[in-house]
Amino acid sequence: MNLFGVMDVSASALKAERVRAEVVASNMANAETTRTPEGGPYQRHHVVFEAEGGNSFQSSLMGQMGSTNETTSDGLGGFDTGFSSGFTNDLSNDVTASNGAPGGVAVTGVIADQSAPLRRYDPQHPDAGPDGFVSYPDINPVTEMTDLMGATRSYGMNASAVQAEKN
């Protein structure tokens, strides 16, 4: 891999981790949002990454297992991603634009968490139901901060890789 290939891989990771940090920030900002335009409480979002260029992990795994030509009707070689129905395409193209660097990463989409909302008793709340319970998003600040720390560290490592490659 040449100099620009290394930078392309790190640049794709920088973009992906920036999106991840933005989604975590959005989750934290909406941790107490009980009413959305869609109705109901805010739902936590997750970023889905995909290998860019070259082979995906799935095709590499299938190749190592010796079953590269066995595919099912879903075209996934018997693997079910479980995410196909939850993808949203609300990210702008510049965020998810692929640079085609083999070994890089791309943001495939942002999915909404389908977990049930947390119910708290607060009869004075304007969104309380007839039973006095309010539905809140199932967002754990500790989990979100852990995700943010991971995104920040990964971003920092890739920025360091770009800086080291420049020198």
Foldseek 3Di string as FASTA:
>chain_A
DDLVLLLLQLVLLLLQLVVLLVLLVVCVVQQFAQADPVGGGAFRKGWDKWFAADDTPQLVVCVVVVNNPQDDPVRSNPDDPVCVVFFDDPDDCVSFPHPRRHRHMGTPGMGTDPDFFDWDAAQVDPQADPVRITGGYPDDVVVSVVSNVVSVVSSVVSVVSNVVSVD
